[in-house]
Amino acid sequence: GDEIYLKGARDIGSALYQHTADEKGEHKVR
């Protein structure tokens, strides 16, 4: 529950989503 772990979780989630979006993941999932 420490702030550094909360920020790490948010950053990893943002990185995963942005990486998928950058490689046109929305169209590939479709």
PDB file of all heavy atoms in Angstrom:
ATOM      1  N   GLY A   1       0.792  -1.229   0.000  1.00  0.00           N
ATOM      2  CA  GLY A   1       0.000   0.000   0.000  1.00  0.00           C
ATOM      3  C   GLY A   1       0.817   1.268   0.000  1.00  0.00           C
ATOM      4  O   GLY A   1       0.241   2.367   0.016  1.00  0.00           O
ATOM      5  N   ASP A   2       2.138   1.164  -0.025  1.00  0.00           N
ATOM      6  CA  ASP A   2       2.972   2.366  -0.036  1.00  0.00           C
ATOM      7  C   ASP A   2       2.795   3.127  -1.347  1.00  0.00           C
ATOM      8  O   ASP A   2       2.494   2.546  -2.396  1.00  0.00           O
ATOM      9  CB  ASP A   2       4.440   2.000   0.151  1.00  0.00           C
ATOM     10  CG  ASP A   2       4.689   1.316   1.489  1.00  0.00           C
ATOM     11  OD1 ASP A   2       3.801   1.415   2.361  1.00  0.00           O
ATOM     12  OD2 ASP A   2       5.743   0.678   1.634  1.00  0.00           O
ATOM     13  N   GLU A   3       3.037   4.431  -1.286  1.00  0.00           N
ATOM     14  CA  GLU A   3       2.813   5.289  -2.447  1.00  0.00           C
ATOM     15  C   GLU A   3       3.682   4.881  -3.631  1.00  0.00           C
ATOM     16  O   GLU A   3       3.254   4.942  -4.781  1.00  0.00           O
ATOM     17  CB  GLU A   3       3.087   6.748  -2.079  1.00  0.00           C
ATOM     18  CG  GLU A   3       2.821   7.741  -3.207  1.00  0.00           C
ATOM     19  CD  GLU A   3       1.383   7.724  -3.686  1.00  0.00           C
ATOM     20  OE1 GLU A   3       0.478   7.446  -2.863  1.00  0.00           O
ATOM     21  OE2 GLU A   3       1.145   7.974  -4.893  1.00  0.00           O
ATOM     22  N   ILE A   4       4.912   4.445  -3.368  1.00  0.00           N
ATOM     23  CA  ILE A   4       5.799   4.075  -4.479  1.00  0.00           C
ATOM     24  C   ILE A   4       5.264   2.842  -5.213  1.00  0.00           C
ATOM     25  O   ILE A   4       5.392   2.725  -6.430  1.00  0.00           O
ATOM     26  CB  ILE A   4       7.233   3.837  -3.950  1.00  0.00           C
ATOM     27  CG1 ILE A   4       8.183   3.622  -5.128  1.00  0.00           C
ATOM     28  CG2 ILE A   4       7.275   2.649  -2.976  1.00  0.00           C
ATOM     29  CD1 ILE A   4       9.647   3.553  -4.718  1.00  0.00           C
ATOM     30  N   TYR A   5       4.623   1.933  -4.465  1.00  0.00           N
ATOM     31  CA  TYR A   5       4.047   0.760  -5.110  1.00  0.00           C
ATOM     32  C   TYR A   5       2.775   1.122  -5.879  1.00  0.00           C
ATOM     33  O   TYR A   5       2.509   0.583  -6.964  1.00  0.00           O
ATOM     34  CB  TYR A   5       3.744  -0.316  -4.061  1.00  0.00           C
ATOM     35  CG  TYR A   5       4.982  -0.913  -3.442  1.00  0.00           C
ATOM     36  CD1 TYR A   5       5.484  -0.441  -2.240  1.00  0.00           C
ATOM     37  CD2 TYR A   5       5.647  -1.970  -4.064  1.00  0.00           C
ATOM     38  CE1 TYR A   5       6.619  -0.979  -1.674  1.00  0.00           C
ATOM     39  CE2 TYR A   5       6.786  -2.531  -3.507  1.00  0.00           C
ATOM     40  CZ  TYR A   5       7.272  -2.027  -2.304  1.00  0.00           C
ATOM     41  OH  TYR A   5       8.398  -2.569  -1.745  1.00  0.00           O
ATOM     42  N   LEU A   6       1.997   2.052  -5.317  1.00  0.00           N
ATOM     43  CA  LEU A   6       0.788   2.503  -6.015  1.00  0.00           C
ATOM     44  C   LEU A   6       1.157   3.197  -7.321  1.00  0.00           C
ATOM     45  O   LEU A   6       0.534   2.966  -8.357  1.00  0.00           O
ATOM     46  CB  LEU A   6      -0.006   3.454  -5.115  1.00  0.00           C
ATOM     47  CG  LEU A   6      -0.583   2.847  -3.824  1.00  0.00           C
ATOM     48  CD1 LEU A   6      -1.217   3.931  -2.959  1.00  0.00           C
ATOM     49  CD2 LEU A   6      -1.612   1.782  -4.154  1.00  0.00           C
ATOM     50  N   LYS A   7       2.186   4.052  -7.270  1.00  0.00           N
ATOM     51  CA  LYS A   7       2.618   4.740  -8.486  1.00  0.00           C
ATOM     52  C   LYS A   7       3.211   3.751  -9.488  1.00  0.00           C
ATOM     53  O   LYS A   7       2.985   3.862 -10.697  1.00  0.00           O
ATOM     54  CB  LYS A   7       3.651   5.816  -8.143  1.00  0.00           C
ATOM     55  CG  LYS A   7       4.057   6.667  -9.341  1.00  0.00           C
ATOM     56  CD  LYS A   7       5.048   7.732  -8.959  1.00  0.00           C
ATOM     57  CE  LYS A   7       5.306   8.669 -10.143  1.00  0.00           C
ATOM     58  NZ  LYS A   7       5.757   7.959 -11.360  1.00  0.00           N
ATOM     59  N   GLY A   8       3.961   2.760  -8.987  1.00  0.00           N
ATOM     60  CA  GLY A   8       4.509   1.745  -9.892  1.00  0.00           C
ATOM     61  C   GLY A   8       3.419   0.967 -10.605  1.00  0.00           C
ATOM     62  O   GLY A   8       3.523   0.691 -11.806  1.00  0.00           O
ATOM     63  N   ALA A   9       2.344   0.636  -9.893  1.00  0.00           N
ATOM     64  CA  ALA A   9       1.235  -0.093 -10.508  1.00  0.00           C
ATOM     65  C   ALA A   9       0.544   0.762 -11.570  1.00  0.00           C
ATOM     66  O   ALA A   9       0.210   0.289 -12.660  1.00  0.00           O
ATOM     67  CB  ALA A   9       0.237  -0.531  -9.442  1.00  0.00           C
ATOM     68  N   ARG A  10       0.328   2.045 -11.245  1.00  0.00           N
ATOM     69  CA  ARG A  10      -0.295   2.951 -12.217  1.00  0.00           C
ATOM     70  C   ARG A  10       0.585   3.111 -13.450  1.00  0.00           C
ATOM     71  O   ARG A  10       0.098   3.111 -14.586  1.00  0.00           O
ATOM     72  CB  ARG A  10      -0.577   4.310 -11.576  1.00  0.00           C
ATOM     73  CG  ARG A  10      -1.721   4.329 -10.585  1.00  0.00           C
ATOM     74  CD  ARG A  10      -2.146   5.746 -10.276  1.00  0.00           C
ATOM     75  NE  ARG A  10      -1.056   6.517  -9.692  1.00  0.00           N
ATOM     76  CZ  ARG A  10      -0.843   6.644  -8.381  1.00  0.00           C
ATOM     77  NH1 ARG A  10      -1.650   6.031  -7.524  1.00  0.00           N
ATOM     78  NH2 ARG A  10       0.154   7.372  -7.919  1.00  0.00           N
ATOM     79  N   ASP A  11       1.890   3.266 -13.245  1.00  0.00           N
ATOM     80  CA  ASP A  11       2.804   3.455 -14.370  1.00  0.00           C
ATOM     81  C   ASP A  11       2.851   2.218 -15.267  1.00  0.00           C
ATOM     82  O   ASP A  11       2.865   2.330 -16.499  1.00  0.00           O
ATOM     83  CB  ASP A  11       4.201   3.782 -13.854  1.00  0.00           C
ATOM     84  CG  ASP A  11       4.288   5.179 -13.258  1.00  0.00           C
ATOM     85  OD1 ASP A  11       3.326   5.951 -13.451  1.00  0.00           O
ATOM     86  OD2 ASP A  11       5.287   5.495 -12.595  1.00  0.00           O
ATOM     87  N   ILE A  12       2.899   1.042 -14.657  1.00  0.00           N
ATOM     88  CA  ILE A  12       2.929  -0.187 -15.455  1.00  0.00           C
ATOM     89  C   ILE A  12       1.644  -0.335 -16.255  1.00  0.00           C
ATOM     90  O   ILE A  12       1.665  -0.698 -17.442  1.00  0.00           O
ATOM     91  CB  ILE A  12       3.156  -1.405 -14.538  1.00  0.00           C
ATOM     92  CG1 ILE A  12       4.580  -1.397 -13.992  1.00  0.00           C
ATOM     93  CG2 ILE A  12       2.908  -2.706 -15.301  1.00  0.00           C
ATOM     94  CD1 ILE A  12       4.848  -2.506 -12.990  1.00  0.00           C
ATOM     95  N   GLY A  13       0.510  -0.061 -15.621  1.00  0.00           N
ATOM     96  CA  GLY A  13      -0.768  -0.143 -16.344  1.00  0.00           C
ATOM     97  C   GLY A  13      -0.820   0.828 -17.504  1.00  0.00           C
ATOM     98  O   GLY A  13      -1.267   0.481 -18.605  1.00  0.00           O
ATOM     99  N   SER A  14      -0.339   2.063 -17.277  1.00  0.00           N
ATOM    100  CA  SER A  14      -0.325   3.061 -18.353  1.00  0.00           C
ATOM    101  C   SER A  14       0.605   2.638 -19.483  1.00  0.00           C
ATOM    102  O   SER A  14       0.302   2.822 -20.668  1.00  0.00           O
ATOM    103  CB  SER A  14       0.098   4.419 -17.804  1.00  0.00           C
ATOM    104  OG  SER A  14      -0.809   4.879 -16.830  1.00  0.00           O
ATOM    105  N   ALA A  15       1.775   2.072 -19.122  1.00  0.00           N
ATOM    106  CA  ALA A  15       2.736   1.643 -20.143  1.00  0.00           C
ATOM    107  C   ALA A  15       2.174   0.494 -20.979  1.00  0.00           C
ATOM    108  O   ALA A  15       2.319   0.482 -22.204  1.00  0.00           O
ATOM    109  CB  ALA A  15       4.044   1.226 -19.479  1.00  0.00           C
ATOM    110  N   LEU A  16       1.531  -0.476 -20.332  1.00  0.00           N
ATOM    111  CA  LEU A  16       0.944  -1.601 -21.066  1.00  0.00           C
ATOM    112  C   LEU A  16      -0.132  -1.116 -22.038  1.00  0.00           C
ATOM    113  O   LEU A  16      -0.181  -1.536 -23.202  1.00  0.00           O
ATOM    114  CB  LEU A  16       0.342  -2.608 -20.080  1.00  0.00           C
ATOM    115  CG  LEU A  16       1.325  -3.484 -19.298  1.00  0.00           C
ATOM    116  CD1 LEU A  16       0.585  -4.252 -18.219  1.00  0.00           C
ATOM    117  CD2 LEU A  16       2.042  -4.440 -20.235  1.00  0.00           C
ATOM    118  N   TYR A  17      -1.001  -0.234 -21.542  1.00  0.00           N
ATOM    119  CA  TYR A  17      -2.087   0.270 -22.390  1.00  0.00           C
ATOM    120  C   TYR A  17      -1.535   1.094 -23.547  1.00  0.00           C
ATOM    121  O   TYR A  17      -1.965   0.932 -24.697  1.00  0.00           O
ATOM    122  CB  TYR A  17      -3.051   1.113 -21.555  1.00  0.00           C
ATOM    123  CG  TYR A  17      -4.181   1.706 -22.366  1.00  0.00           C
ATOM    124  CD1 TYR A  17      -5.305   0.950 -22.687  1.00  0.00           C
ATOM    125  CD2 TYR A  17      -4.128   3.022 -22.815  1.00  0.00           C
ATOM    126  CE1 TYR A  17      -6.346   1.489 -23.425  1.00  0.00           C
ATOM    127  CE2 TYR A  17      -5.162   3.567 -23.562  1.00  0.00           C
ATOM    128  CZ  TYR A  17      -6.258   2.793 -23.860  1.00  0.00           C
ATOM    129  OH  TYR A  17      -7.281   3.329 -24.613  1.00  0.00           O
ATOM    130  N   GLN A  18      -0.563   1.987 -23.261  1.00  0.00           N
ATOM    131  CA  GLN A  18      -0.022   2.846 -24.313  1.00  0.00           C
ATOM    132  C   GLN A  18       0.730   2.034 -25.356  1.00  0.00           C
ATOM    133  O   GLN A  18       0.641   2.320 -26.554  1.00  0.00           O
ATOM    134  CB  GLN A  18       0.905   3.895 -23.696  1.00  0.00           C
ATOM    135  CG  GLN A  18       1.291   5.001 -24.654  1.00  0.00           C
ATOM    136  CD  GLN A  18       0.085   5.796 -25.126  1.00  0.00           C
ATOM    137  OE1 GLN A  18      -0.766   6.160 -24.318  1.00  0.00           O
ATOM    138  NE2 GLN A  18       0.006   6.051 -26.423  1.00  0.00           N
ATOM    139  N   HIS A  19       1.466   1.015 -24.923  1.00  0.00           N
ATOM    140  CA  HIS A  19       2.190   0.165 -25.870  1.00  0.00           C
ATOM    141  C   HIS A  19       1.214  -0.543 -26.795  1.00  0.00           C
ATOM    142  O   HIS A  19       1.439  -0.625 -28.014  1.00  0.00           O
ATOM    143  CB  HIS A  19       3.037  -0.854 -25.109  1.00  0.00           C
ATOM    144  CG  HIS A  19       3.877  -1.721 -25.998  1.00  0.00           C
ATOM    145  ND1 HIS A  19       3.379  -2.862 -26.609  1.00  0.00           N
ATOM    146  CD2 HIS A  19       5.170  -1.619 -26.392  1.00  0.00           C
ATOM    147  CE1 HIS A  19       4.335  -3.421 -27.331  1.00  0.00           C
ATOM    148  NE2 HIS A  19       5.435  -2.692 -27.219  1.00  0.00           N
ATOM    149  N   THR A  20       0.119  -1.049 -26.243  1.00  0.00           N
ATOM    150  CA  THR A  20      -0.885  -1.733 -27.062  1.00  0.00           C
ATOM    151  C   THR A  20      -1.571  -0.763 -28.014  1.00  0.00           C
ATOM    152  O   THR A  20      -1.820  -1.088 -29.178  1.00  0.00           O
ATOM    153  CB  THR A  20      -1.924  -2.414 -26.158  1.00  0.00           C
ATOM    154  OG1 THR A  20      -1.253  -3.270 -25.229  1.00  0.00           O
ATOM    155  CG2 THR A  20      -2.897  -3.242 -26.985  1.00  0.00           C
ATOM    156  N   ALA A  21      -1.874   0.428 -27.526  1.00  0.00           N
ATOM    157  CA  ALA A  21      -2.514   1.427 -28.382  1.00  0.00           C
ATOM    158  C   ALA A  21      -1.585   1.867 -29.502  1.00  0.00           C
ATOM    159  O   ALA A  21      -2.022   2.081 -30.643  1.00  0.00           O
ATOM    160  CB  ALA A  21      -2.953   2.631 -27.551  1.00  0.00           C
ATOM    161  N   ASP A  22      -0.286   2.006 -29.208  1.00  0.00           N
ATOM    162  CA  ASP A  22       0.673   2.461 -30.215  1.00  0.00           C
ATOM    163  C   ASP A  22       0.830   1.458 -31.352  1.00  0.00           C
ATOM    164  O   ASP A  22       1.118   1.850 -32.490  1.00  0.00           O
ATOM    165  CB  ASP A  22       2.034   2.719 -29.568  1.00  0.00           C
ATOM    166  CG  ASP A  22       2.026   3.958 -28.682  1.00  0.00           C
ATOM    167  OD1 ASP A  22       1.094   4.768 -28.829  1.00  0.00           O
ATOM    168  OD2 ASP A  22       2.941   4.093 -27.840  1.00  0.00           O
ATOM    169  N   GLU A  23       0.659   0.174 -31.068  1.00  0.00           N
ATOM    170  CA  GLU A  23       0.774  -0.824 -32.130  1.00  0.00           C
ATOM    171  C   GLU A  23      -0.588  -1.216 -32.711  1.00  0.00           C
ATOM    172  O   GLU A  23      -0.771  -2.318 -33.211  1.00  0.00           O
ATOM    173  CB  GLU A  23       1.511  -2.066 -31.628  1.00  0.00           C
ATOM    174  CG  GLU A  23       0.834  -2.811 -30.503  1.00  0.00           C
ATOM    175  CD  GLU A  23       1.457  -4.175 -30.280  1.00  0.00           C
ATOM    176  OE1 GLU A  23       2.188  -4.648 -31.175  1.00  0.00           O
ATOM    177  OE2 GLU A  23       1.181  -4.776 -29.230  1.00  0.00           O
ATOM    178  N   LYS A  24      -1.551  -0.265 -32.617  1.00  0.00           N
ATOM    179  CA  LYS A  24      -2.888  -0.438 -33.190  1.00  0.00           C
ATOM    180  C   LYS A  24      -3.589  -1.674 -32.626  1.00  0.00           C
ATOM    181  O   LYS A  24      -4.222  -2.451 -33.339  1.00  0.00           O
ATOM    182  CB  LYS A  24      -2.811  -0.522 -34.718  1.00  0.00           C
ATOM    183  CG  LYS A  24      -2.201   0.712 -35.379  1.00  0.00           C
ATOM    184  CD  LYS A  24      -2.136   0.575 -36.880  1.00  0.00           C
ATOM    185  CE  LYS A  24      -1.613   1.838 -37.539  1.00  0.00           C
ATOM    186  NZ  LYS A  24      -0.240   2.189 -37.101  1.00  0.00           N
ATOM    187  N   GLY A  25      -3.460  -1.833 -31.322  1.00  0.00           N
ATOM    188  CA  GLY A  25      -4.063  -2.988 -30.662  1.00  0.00           C
ATOM    189  C   GLY A  25      -5.578  -3.006 -30.765  1.00  0.00           C
ATOM    190  O   GLY A  25      -6.184  -4.083 -30.811  1.00  0.00           O
ATOM    191  N   GLU A  26      -6.206  -1.836 -30.818  1.00  0.00           N
ATOM    192  CA  GLU A  26      -7.665  -1.785 -30.915  1.00  0.00           C
ATOM    193  C   GLU A  26      -8.159  -2.463 -32.184  1.00  0.00           C
ATOM    194  O   GLU A  26      -9.127  -3.224 -32.174  1.00  0.00           O
ATOM    195  CB  GLU A  26      -8.129  -0.324 -30.873  1.00  0.00           C
ATOM    196  CG  GLU A  26      -9.637  -0.157 -30.874  1.00  0.00           C
ATOM    197  CD  GLU A  26     -10.037   1.293 -30.735  1.00  0.00           C
ATOM    198  OE1 GLU A  26      -9.163   2.136 -30.438  1.00  0.00           O
ATOM    199  OE2 GLU A  26     -11.230   1.589 -30.917  1.00  0.00           O
ATOM    200  N   HIS A  27      -7.463  -2.234 -33.305  1.00  0.00           N
ATOM    201  CA  HIS A  27      -7.859  -2.850 -34.569  1.00  0.00           C
ATOM    202  C   HIS A  27      -7.551  -4.349 -34.567  1.00  0.00           C
ATOM    203  O   HIS A  27      -8.310  -5.145 -35.140  1.00  0.00           O
ATOM    204  CB  HIS A  27      -7.133  -2.168 -35.727  1.00  0.00           C
ATOM    205  CG  HIS A  27      -7.463  -0.714 -35.870  1.00  0.00           C
ATOM    206  ND1 HIS A  27      -8.625  -0.255 -36.466  1.00  0.00           N
ATOM    207  CD2 HIS A  27      -6.790   0.402 -35.471  1.00  0.00           C
ATOM    208  CE1 HIS A  27      -8.643   1.059 -36.442  1.00  0.00           C
ATOM    209  NE2 HIS A  27      -7.547   1.480 -35.842  1.00  0.00           N
ATOM    210  N   LYS A  28      -6.459  -4.738 -33.921  1.00  0.00           N
ATOM    211  CA  LYS A  28      -6.109  -6.158 -33.887  1.00  0.00           C
ATOM    212  C   LYS A  28      -7.087  -6.945 -33.021  1.00  0.00           C
ATOM    213  O   LYS A  28      -7.466  -8.073 -33.367  1.00  0.00           O
ATOM    214  CB  LYS A  28      -4.679  -6.314 -33.375  1.00  0.00           C
ATOM    215  CG  LYS A  28      -3.643  -5.709 -34.327  1.00  0.00           C
ATOM    216  CD  LYS A  28      -2.234  -5.775 -33.771  1.00  0.00           C
ATOM    217  CE  LYS A  28      -1.244  -5.136 -34.737  1.00  0.00           C
ATOM    218  NZ  LYS A  28       0.148  -5.148 -34.215  1.00  0.00           N
ATOM    219  N   VAL A  29      -7.515  -6.353 -31.909  1.00  0.00           N
ATOM    220  CA  VAL A  29      -8.522  -7.013 -31.075  1.00  0.00           C
ATOM    221  C   VAL A  29      -9.843  -7.107 -31.826  1.00  0.00           C
ATOM    222  O   VAL A  29     -10.555  -8.121 -31.742  1.00  0.00           O
ATOM    223  CB  VAL A  29      -8.697  -6.244 -29.748  1.00  0.00           C
ATOM    224  CG1 VAL A  29      -9.874  -6.805 -28.947  1.00  0.00           C
ATOM    225  CG2 VAL A  29      -7.424  -6.317 -28.922  1.00  0.00           C
ATOM    226  N   ARG A  30     -10.172  -6.077 -32.581  1.00  0.00           N
ATOM    227  CA  ARG A  30     -11.412  -6.098 -33.367  1.00  0.00           C
ATOM    228  C   ARG A  30     -11.382  -7.235 -34.388  1.00  0.00           C
ATOM    229  O   ARG A  30     -12.367  -7.957 -34.567  1.00  0.00           O
ATOM    230  CB  ARG A  30     -11.590  -4.755 -34.075  1.00  0.00           C
ATOM    231  CG  ARG A  30     -12.867  -4.630 -34.904  1.00  0.00           C
ATOM    232  CD  ARG A  30     -12.897  -3.288 -35.631  1.00  0.00           C
ATOM    233  NE  ARG A  30     -14.077  -3.150 -36.474  1.00  0.00           N
ATOM    234  CZ  ARG A  30     -15.233  -2.649 -36.073  1.00  0.00           C
ATOM    235  NH1 ARG A  30     -15.356  -2.238 -34.821  1.00  0.00           N
ATOM    236  NH2 ARG A  30     -16.257  -2.553 -36.889  1.00  0.00           N
TER     237      ARG A  30
END
